[in-house]
Full PDB file with SEQRES, HELIX, SHEET, SSBOND, CRYST1, ORIGX, SCALE, CONECT and MASTER records, all heavy atoms in Angstrom:
SEQRES   1 A   30  LEU ARG LEU SER CYS ALA ALA SER GLY SER ILE PHE ILE          
SEQRES   2 A   30  ILE ASN SER MET ALA TRP TYR ARG GLN ALA PRO GLY LYS          
SEQRES   3 A   30  GLN ARG GLU LEU                                              
CRYST1    1.000    1.000    1.000  90.00  90.00  90.00 P 1           1          
ORIGX1      1.000000  0.000000  0.000000        0.00000                         
ORIGX2      0.000000  1.000000  0.000000        0.00000                         
ORIGX3      0.000000  0.000000  1.000000        0.00000                         
SCALE1      1.000000  0.000000  0.000000        0.00000                         
SCALE2      0.000000  1.000000  0.000000        0.00000                         
SCALE3      0.000000  0.000000  1.000000        0.00000                         
ATOM      1  N   LEU A   1     -17.926  60.312 -22.759  1.00  0.00           N  
ATOM      2  CA  LEU A   1     -16.674  59.688 -23.144  1.00  0.00           C  
ATOM      3  C   LEU A   1     -16.664  58.263 -22.631  1.00  0.00           C  
ATOM      4  O   LEU A   1     -17.298  57.956 -21.624  1.00  0.00           O  
ATOM      5  CB  LEU A   1     -15.462  60.427 -22.574  1.00  0.00           C  
ATOM      6  CG  LEU A   1     -15.056  61.751 -23.203  1.00  0.00           C  
ATOM      7  CD1 LEU A   1     -13.944  62.390 -22.366  1.00  0.00           C  
ATOM      8  CD2 LEU A   1     -14.585  61.554 -24.634  1.00  0.00           C  
ATOM      9  N   ARG A   2     -15.918  57.414 -23.307  1.00  0.00           N  
ATOM     10  CA  ARG A   2     -15.737  56.042 -22.866  1.00  0.00           C  
ATOM     11  C   ARG A   2     -14.252  55.752 -22.767  1.00  0.00           C  
ATOM     12  O   ARG A   2     -13.542  55.773 -23.778  1.00  0.00           O  
ATOM     13  CB  ARG A   2     -16.387  55.057 -23.833  1.00  0.00           C  
ATOM     14  CG  ARG A   2     -16.423  53.619 -23.318  1.00  0.00           C  
ATOM     15  CD  ARG A   2     -16.798  52.664 -24.421  1.00  0.00           C  
ATOM     16  NE  ARG A   2     -17.129  51.339 -23.931  1.00  0.00           N  
ATOM     17  CZ  ARG A   2     -16.954  50.218 -24.624  1.00  0.00           C  
ATOM     18  NH1 ARG A   2     -16.459  50.267 -25.851  1.00  0.00           N  
ATOM     19  NH2 ARG A   2     -17.295  49.045 -24.102  1.00  0.00           N  
ATOM     20  N   LEU A   3     -13.788  55.488 -21.559  1.00  0.00           N  
ATOM     21  CA  LEU A   3     -12.394  55.167 -21.319  1.00  0.00           C  
ATOM     22  C   LEU A   3     -12.180  53.661 -21.369  1.00  0.00           C  
ATOM     23  O   LEU A   3     -13.040  52.892 -20.939  1.00  0.00           O  
ATOM     24  CB  LEU A   3     -11.940  55.690 -19.959  1.00  0.00           C  
ATOM     25  CG  LEU A   3     -12.166  57.176 -19.672  1.00  0.00           C  
ATOM     26  CD1 LEU A   3     -11.585  57.537 -18.310  1.00  0.00           C  
ATOM     27  CD2 LEU A   3     -11.569  58.042 -20.762  1.00  0.00           C  
ATOM     28  N   SER A   4     -11.023  53.256 -21.879  1.00  0.00           N  
ATOM     29  CA  SER A   4     -10.658  51.853 -21.944  1.00  0.00           C  
ATOM     30  C   SER A   4      -9.341  51.633 -21.235  1.00  0.00           C  
ATOM     31  O   SER A   4      -8.462  52.501 -21.245  1.00  0.00           O  
ATOM     32  CB  SER A   4     -10.538  51.383 -23.396  1.00  0.00           C  
ATOM     33  OG  SER A   4     -11.761  51.503 -24.081  1.00  0.00           O  
ATOM     34  N   CYS A   5      -9.193  50.467 -20.644  1.00  0.00           N  
ATOM     35  CA  CYS A   5      -7.964  50.080 -19.954  1.00  0.00           C  
ATOM     36  C   CYS A   5      -7.674  48.632 -20.304  1.00  0.00           C  
ATOM     37  O   CYS A   5      -8.387  47.728 -19.858  1.00  0.00           O  
ATOM     38  CB  CYS A   5      -8.119  50.269 -18.448  1.00  0.00           C  
ATOM     39  SG  CYS A   5      -6.725  49.665 -17.473  1.00  0.00           S  
ATOM     40  N   ALA A   6      -6.630  48.406 -21.072  1.00  0.00           N  
ATOM     41  CA  ALA A   6      -6.275  47.071 -21.534  1.00  0.00           C  
ATOM     42  C   ALA A   6      -5.030  46.576 -20.815  1.00  0.00           C  
ATOM     43  O   ALA A   6      -4.010  47.267 -20.783  1.00  0.00           O  
ATOM     44  CB  ALA A   6      -6.053  47.072 -23.041  1.00  0.00           C  
ATOM     45  N   ALA A   7      -5.112  45.376 -20.272  1.00  0.00           N  
ATOM     46  CA  ALA A   7      -3.989  44.754 -19.580  1.00  0.00           C  
ATOM     47  C   ALA A   7      -3.304  43.756 -20.497  1.00  0.00           C  
ATOM     48  O   ALA A   7      -3.961  42.985 -21.201  1.00  0.00           O  
ATOM     49  CB  ALA A   7      -4.461  44.063 -18.308  1.00  0.00           C  
ATOM     50  N   SER A   8      -1.984  43.746 -20.472  1.00  0.00           N  
ATOM     51  CA  SER A   8      -1.224  42.819 -21.292  1.00  0.00           C  
ATOM     52  C   SER A   8       0.109  42.526 -20.631  1.00  0.00           C  
ATOM     53  O   SER A   8       0.515  43.206 -19.694  1.00  0.00           O  
ATOM     54  CB  SER A   8      -0.997  43.374 -22.694  1.00  0.00           C  
ATOM     55  OG  SER A   8      -0.217  44.555 -22.646  1.00  0.00           O  
ATOM     56  N   GLY A   9       0.806  41.507 -21.144  1.00  0.00           N  
ATOM     57  CA  GLY A   9       2.119  41.171 -20.635  1.00  0.00           C  
ATOM     58  C   GLY A   9       2.211  39.720 -20.201  1.00  0.00           C  
ATOM     59  O   GLY A   9       1.878  38.819 -20.962  1.00  0.00           O  
ATOM     60  N   SER A  10       2.647  39.510 -18.984  1.00  0.00           N  
ATOM     61  CA  SER A  10       2.821  38.175 -18.447  1.00  0.00           C  
ATOM     62  C   SER A  10       1.483  37.481 -18.259  1.00  0.00           C  
ATOM     63  O   SER A  10       0.423  38.114 -18.312  1.00  0.00           O  
ATOM     64  CB  SER A  10       3.578  38.232 -17.117  1.00  0.00           C  
ATOM     65  OG  SER A  10       4.829  38.869 -17.255  1.00  0.00           O  
ATOM     66  N   ILE A  11       1.544  36.182 -18.044  1.00  0.00           N  
ATOM     67  CA  ILE A  11       0.325  35.431 -17.756  1.00  0.00           C  
ATOM     68  C   ILE A  11      -0.191  35.860 -16.390  1.00  0.00           C  
ATOM     69  O   ILE A  11       0.546  35.850 -15.404  1.00  0.00           O  
ATOM     70  CB  ILE A  11       0.596  33.926 -17.787  1.00  0.00           C  
ATOM     71  CG1 ILE A  11       1.064  33.509 -19.183  1.00  0.00           C  
ATOM     72  CG2 ILE A  11      -0.648  33.144 -17.393  1.00  0.00           C  
ATOM     73  CD1 ILE A  11       1.479  32.055 -19.272  1.00  0.00           C  
ATOM     74  N   PHE A  12      -1.456  36.224 -16.335  1.00  0.00           N  
ATOM     75  CA  PHE A  12      -1.997  36.793 -15.118  1.00  0.00           C  
ATOM     76  C   PHE A  12      -3.498  36.576 -15.034  1.00  0.00           C  
ATOM     77  O   PHE A  12      -4.152  36.228 -16.014  1.00  0.00           O  
ATOM     78  CB  PHE A  12      -1.701  38.298 -15.048  1.00  0.00           C  
ATOM     79  CG  PHE A  12      -2.271  39.061 -16.208  1.00  0.00           C  
ATOM     80  CD1 PHE A  12      -3.550  39.576 -16.153  1.00  0.00           C  
ATOM     81  CD2 PHE A  12      -1.522  39.264 -17.353  1.00  0.00           C  
ATOM     82  CE1 PHE A  12      -4.088  40.277 -17.225  1.00  0.00           C  
ATOM     83  CE2 PHE A  12      -2.044  39.964 -18.429  1.00  0.00           C  
ATOM     84  CZ  PHE A  12      -3.330  40.469 -18.367  1.00  0.00           C  
ATOM     85  N   ILE A  13      -4.013  36.814 -13.840  1.00  0.00           N  
ATOM     86  CA  ILE A  13      -5.448  36.843 -13.589  1.00  0.00           C  
ATOM     87  C   ILE A  13      -5.772  38.170 -12.929  1.00  0.00           C  
ATOM     88  O   ILE A  13      -5.094  38.580 -11.987  1.00  0.00           O  
ATOM     89  CB  ILE A  13      -5.890  35.674 -12.689  1.00  0.00           C  
ATOM     90  CG1 ILE A  13      -5.640  34.342 -13.394  1.00  0.00           C  
ATOM     91  CG2 ILE A  13      -7.356  35.811 -12.295  1.00  0.00           C  
ATOM     92  CD1 ILE A  13      -5.886  33.141 -12.501  1.00  0.00           C  
ATOM     93  N   ILE A  14      -6.795  38.830 -13.420  1.00  0.00           N  
ATOM     94  CA  ILE A  14      -7.216  40.099 -12.855  1.00  0.00           C  
ATOM     95  C   ILE A  14      -8.262  39.838 -11.778  1.00  0.00           C  
ATOM     96  O   ILE A  14      -9.331  39.312 -12.056  1.00  0.00           O  
ATOM     97  CB  ILE A  14      -7.783  41.031 -13.921  1.00  0.00           C  
ATOM     98  CG1 ILE A  14      -6.715  41.341 -14.972  1.00  0.00           C  
ATOM     99  CG2 ILE A  14      -8.302  42.320 -13.287  1.00  0.00           C  
ATOM    100  CD1 ILE A  14      -7.218  42.172 -16.125  1.00  0.00           C  
ATOM    101  N   ASN A  15      -7.941  40.212 -10.561  1.00  0.00           N  
ATOM    102  CA  ASN A  15      -8.881  40.052  -9.461  1.00  0.00           C  
ATOM    103  C   ASN A  15      -9.923  41.166  -9.445  1.00  0.00           C  
ATOM    104  O   ASN A  15     -11.107  40.918  -9.219  1.00  0.00           O  
ATOM    105  CB  ASN A  15      -8.142  40.015  -8.125  1.00  0.00           C  
ATOM    106  CG  ASN A  15      -7.224  38.825  -7.994  1.00  0.00           C  
ATOM    107  OD1 ASN A  15      -7.555  37.715  -8.418  1.00  0.00           O  
ATOM    108  ND2 ASN A  15      -6.050  39.048  -7.409  1.00  0.00           N  
ATOM    109  N   SER A  16      -9.469  42.379  -9.673  1.00  0.00           N  
ATOM    110  CA  SER A  16     -10.372  43.522  -9.687  1.00  0.00           C  
ATOM    111  C   SER A  16      -9.731  44.646 -10.477  1.00  0.00           C  
ATOM    112  O   SER A  16      -8.514  44.695 -10.637  1.00  0.00           O  
ATOM    113  CB  SER A  16     -10.699  43.993  -8.264  1.00  0.00           C  
ATOM    114  OG  SER A  16      -9.534  44.444  -7.602  1.00  0.00           O  
ATOM    115  N   MET A  17     -10.566  45.545 -10.958  1.00  0.00           N  
ATOM    116  CA  MET A  17     -10.080  46.717 -11.665  1.00  0.00           C  
ATOM    117  C   MET A  17     -10.822  47.936 -11.159  1.00  0.00           C  
ATOM    118  O   MET A  17     -11.947  47.828 -10.664  1.00  0.00           O  
ATOM    119  CB  MET A  17     -10.255  46.569 -13.175  1.00  0.00           C  
ATOM    120  CG  MET A  17      -9.506  45.385 -13.752  1.00  0.00           C  
ATOM    121  SD  MET A  17      -9.475  45.335 -15.565  1.00  0.00           S  
ATOM    122  CE  MET A  17      -8.203  46.572 -15.896  1.00  0.00           C  
ATOM    123  N   ALA A  18     -10.182  49.073 -11.285  1.00  0.00           N  
ATOM    124  CA  ALA A  18     -10.756  50.301 -10.770  1.00  0.00           C  
ATOM    125  C   ALA A  18     -10.299  51.486 -11.602  1.00  0.00           C  
ATOM    126  O   ALA A  18      -9.279  51.431 -12.296  1.00  0.00           O  
ATOM    127  CB  ALA A  18     -10.370  50.510  -9.306  1.00  0.00           C  
ATOM    128  N   TRP A  19     -11.076  52.536 -11.520  1.00  0.00           N  
ATOM    129  CA  TRP A  19     -10.713  53.818 -12.105  1.00  0.00           C  
ATOM    130  C   TRP A  19     -10.565  54.851 -10.995  1.00  0.00           C  
ATOM    131  O   TRP A  19     -11.431  54.955 -10.119  1.00  0.00           O  
ATOM    132  CB  TRP A  19     -11.761  54.303 -13.104  1.00  0.00           C  
ATOM    133  CG  TRP A  19     -11.772  53.528 -14.378  1.00  0.00           C  
ATOM    134  CD1 TRP A  19     -12.564  52.474 -14.705  1.00  0.00           C  
ATOM    135  CD2 TRP A  19     -10.944  53.770 -15.520  1.00  0.00           C  
ATOM    136  NE1 TRP A  19     -12.289  52.027 -15.965  1.00  0.00           N  
ATOM    137  CE2 TRP A  19     -11.290  52.807 -16.501  1.00  0.00           C  
ATOM    138  CE3 TRP A  19      -9.950  54.695 -15.819  1.00  0.00           C  
ATOM    139  CZ2 TRP A  19     -10.674  52.750 -17.746  1.00  0.00           C  
ATOM    140  CZ3 TRP A  19      -9.333  54.636 -17.058  1.00  0.00           C  
ATOM    141  CH2 TRP A  19      -9.694  53.675 -18.002  1.00  0.00           C  
ATOM    142  N   TYR A  20      -9.473  55.573 -11.038  1.00  0.00           N  
ATOM    143  CA  TYR A  20      -9.220  56.705 -10.162  1.00  0.00           C  
ATOM    144  C   TYR A  20      -9.115  57.963 -11.007  1.00  0.00           C  
ATOM    145  O   TYR A  20      -8.937  57.902 -12.226  1.00  0.00           O  
ATOM    146  CB  TYR A  20      -7.914  56.524  -9.388  1.00  0.00           C  
ATOM    147  CG  TYR A  20      -7.917  55.440  -8.331  1.00  0.00           C  
ATOM    148  CD1 TYR A  20      -7.863  54.097  -8.676  1.00  0.00           C  
ATOM    149  CD2 TYR A  20      -7.940  55.768  -6.978  1.00  0.00           C  
ATOM    150  CE1 TYR A  20      -7.846  53.106  -7.710  1.00  0.00           C  
ATOM    151  CE2 TYR A  20      -7.919  54.788  -6.000  1.00  0.00           C  
ATOM    152  CZ  TYR A  20      -7.869  53.458  -6.375  1.00  0.00           C  
ATOM    153  OH  TYR A  20      -7.846  52.486  -5.403  1.00  0.00           O  
ATOM    154  N   ARG A  21      -9.196  59.102 -10.343  1.00  0.00           N  
ATOM    155  CA  ARG A  21      -8.951  60.348 -11.038  1.00  0.00           C  
ATOM    156  C   ARG A  21      -8.254  61.327 -10.108  1.00  0.00           C  
ATOM    157  O   ARG A  21      -8.382  61.256  -8.891  1.00  0.00           O  
ATOM    158  CB  ARG A  21     -10.246  60.965 -11.577  1.00  0.00           C  
ATOM    159  CG  ARG A  21     -11.212  61.470 -10.521  1.00  0.00           C  
ATOM    160  CD  ARG A  21     -12.503  61.937 -11.170  1.00  0.00           C  
ATOM    161  NE  ARG A  21     -13.442  62.470 -10.209  1.00  0.00           N  
ATOM    162  CZ  ARG A  21     -14.693  62.823 -10.493  1.00  0.00           C  
ATOM    163  NH1 ARG A  21     -15.154  62.695 -11.731  1.00  0.00           N  
ATOM    164  NH2 ARG A  21     -15.480  63.313  -9.539  1.00  0.00           N  
ATOM    165  N   GLN A  22      -7.517  62.238 -10.714  1.00  0.00           N  
ATOM    166  CA  GLN A  22      -6.811  63.254  -9.956  1.00  0.00           C  
ATOM    167  C   GLN A  22      -6.869  64.572 -10.710  1.00  0.00           C  
ATOM    168  O   GLN A  22      -6.368  64.674 -11.829  1.00  0.00           O  
ATOM    169  CB  GLN A  22      -5.358  62.849  -9.704  1.00  0.00           C  
ATOM    170  CG  GLN A  22      -4.613  63.785  -8.780  1.00  0.00           C  
ATOM    171  CD  GLN A  22      -3.296  63.202  -8.299  1.00  0.00           C  
ATOM    172  OE1 GLN A  22      -2.712  62.338  -8.954  1.00  0.00           O  
ATOM    173  NE2 GLN A  22      -2.832  63.660  -7.153  1.00  0.00           N  
ATOM    174  N   ALA A  23      -7.482  65.549 -10.085  1.00  0.00           N  
ATOM    175  CA  ALA A  23      -7.554  66.891 -10.637  1.00  0.00           C  
ATOM    176  C   ALA A  23      -6.391  67.716 -10.099  1.00  0.00           C  
ATOM    177  O   ALA A  23      -5.843  67.413  -9.033  1.00  0.00           O  
ATOM    178  CB  ALA A  23      -8.884  67.545 -10.275  1.00  0.00           C  
ATOM    179  N   PRO A  24      -6.000  68.770 -10.814  1.00  0.00           N  
ATOM    180  CA  PRO A  24      -4.896  69.609 -10.337  1.00  0.00           C  
ATOM    181  C   PRO A  24      -5.148  70.142  -8.937  1.00  0.00           C  
ATOM    182  O   PRO A  24      -6.222  70.660  -8.638  1.00  0.00           O  
ATOM    183  CB  PRO A  24      -4.854  70.743 -11.366  1.00  0.00           C  
ATOM    184  CG  PRO A  24      -5.429  70.142 -12.605  1.00  0.00           C  
ATOM    185  CD  PRO A  24      -6.504  69.206 -12.120  1.00  0.00           C  
ATOM    186  N   GLY A  25      -4.164  69.991  -8.065  1.00  0.00           N  
ATOM    187  CA  GLY A  25      -4.271  70.481  -6.711  1.00  0.00           C  
ATOM    188  C   GLY A  25      -5.097  69.626  -5.776  1.00  0.00           C  
ATOM    189  O   GLY A  25      -5.289  70.003  -4.619  1.00  0.00           O  
ATOM    190  N   LYS A  26      -5.584  68.486  -6.251  1.00  0.00           N  
ATOM    191  CA  LYS A  26      -6.398  67.611  -5.432  1.00  0.00           C  
ATOM    192  C   LYS A  26      -5.765  66.227  -5.323  1.00  0.00           C  
ATOM    193  O   LYS A  26      -4.934  65.841  -6.139  1.00  0.00           O  
ATOM    194  CB  LYS A  26      -7.805  67.482  -6.009  1.00  0.00           C  
ATOM    195  CG  LYS A  26      -8.593  68.785  -6.054  1.00  0.00           C  
ATOM    196  CD  LYS A  26      -9.993  68.550  -6.574  1.00  0.00           C  
ATOM    197  CE  LYS A  26     -10.794  69.831  -6.598  1.00  0.00           C  
ATOM    198  NZ  LYS A  26     -12.171  69.606  -7.119  1.00  0.00           N  
ATOM    199  N   GLN A  27      -6.167  65.505  -4.300  1.00  0.00           N  
ATOM    200  CA  GLN A  27      -5.692  64.145  -4.127  1.00  0.00           C  
ATOM    201  C   GLN A  27      -6.412  63.196  -5.077  1.00  0.00           C  
ATOM    202  O   GLN A  27      -7.526  63.453  -5.522  1.00  0.00           O  
ATOM    203  CB  GLN A  27      -5.892  63.685  -2.681  1.00  0.00           C  
ATOM    204  CG  GLN A  27      -5.034  64.417  -1.665  1.00  0.00           C  
ATOM    205  CD  GLN A  27      -5.127  63.803  -0.285  1.00  0.00           C  
ATOM    206  OE1 GLN A  27      -6.016  62.996  -0.005  1.00  0.00           O  
ATOM    207  NE2 GLN A  27      -4.206  64.174   0.584  1.00  0.00           N  
ATOM    208  N   ARG A  28      -5.748  62.106  -5.368  1.00  0.00           N  
ATOM    209  CA  ARG A  28      -6.354  61.087  -6.210  1.00  0.00           C  
ATOM    210  C   ARG A  28      -7.531  60.447  -5.473  1.00  0.00           C  
ATOM    211  O   ARG A  28      -7.438  60.139  -4.284  1.00  0.00           O  
ATOM    212  CB  ARG A  28      -5.316  60.036  -6.577  1.00  0.00           C  
ATOM    213  CG  ARG A  28      -5.786  59.026  -7.612  1.00  0.00           C  
ATOM    214  CD  ARG A  28      -4.627  58.145  -8.084  1.00  0.00           C  
ATOM    215  NE  ARG A  28      -3.582  58.930  -8.722  1.00  0.00           N  
ATOM    216  CZ  ARG A  28      -2.501  58.417  -9.298  1.00  0.00           C  
ATOM    217  NH1 ARG A  28      -2.327  57.103  -9.332  1.00  0.00           N  
ATOM    218  NH2 ARG A  28      -1.593  59.202  -9.846  1.00  0.00           N  
ATOM    219  N   GLU A  29      -8.638  60.251  -6.186  1.00  0.00           N  
ATOM    220  CA  GLU A  29      -9.815  59.674  -5.584  1.00  0.00           C  
ATOM    221  C   GLU A  29     -10.308  58.487  -6.400  1.00  0.00           C  
ATOM    222  O   GLU A  29     -10.164  58.448  -7.624  1.00  0.00           O  
ATOM    223  CB  GLU A  29     -10.933  60.709  -5.426  1.00  0.00           C  
ATOM    224  CG  GLU A  29     -11.441  61.295  -6.729  1.00  0.00           C  
ATOM    225  CD  GLU A  29     -12.513  62.348  -6.524  1.00  0.00           C  
ATOM    226  OE1 GLU A  29     -13.000  62.510  -5.386  1.00  0.00           O  
ATOM    227  OE2 GLU A  29     -12.877  63.020  -7.516  1.00  0.00           O  
ATOM    228  N   LEU A  30     -10.904  57.552  -5.709  1.00  0.00           N  
ATOM    229  CA  LEU A  30     -11.457  56.363  -6.350  1.00  0.00           C  
ATOM    230  C   LEU A  30     -12.793  56.706  -6.982  1.00  0.00           C  
ATOM    231  O   LEU A  30     -13.700  57.190  -6.302  1.00  0.00           O  
ATOM    232  CB  LEU A  30     -11.615  55.245  -5.325  1.00  0.00           C  
ATOM    233  CG  LEU A  30     -12.229  53.928  -5.806  1.00  0.00           C  
ATOM    234  CD1 LEU A  30     -11.361  53.285  -6.879  1.00  0.00           C  
ATOM    235  CD2 LEU A  30     -12.415  52.980  -4.630  1.00  0.00           C  
TER     236      LEU A  30                                                      
MASTER        0    0    0    0    0    0    0    6  235    1    0    3          
END                                                                             
């Protein structure tokens, strides 16, 4: 699979981006 994440809205600069995930009953992990 290929996930996409598009940023929009106000004028901005992206310093960094990341993907996290959270499975049922587990904490969110980087």
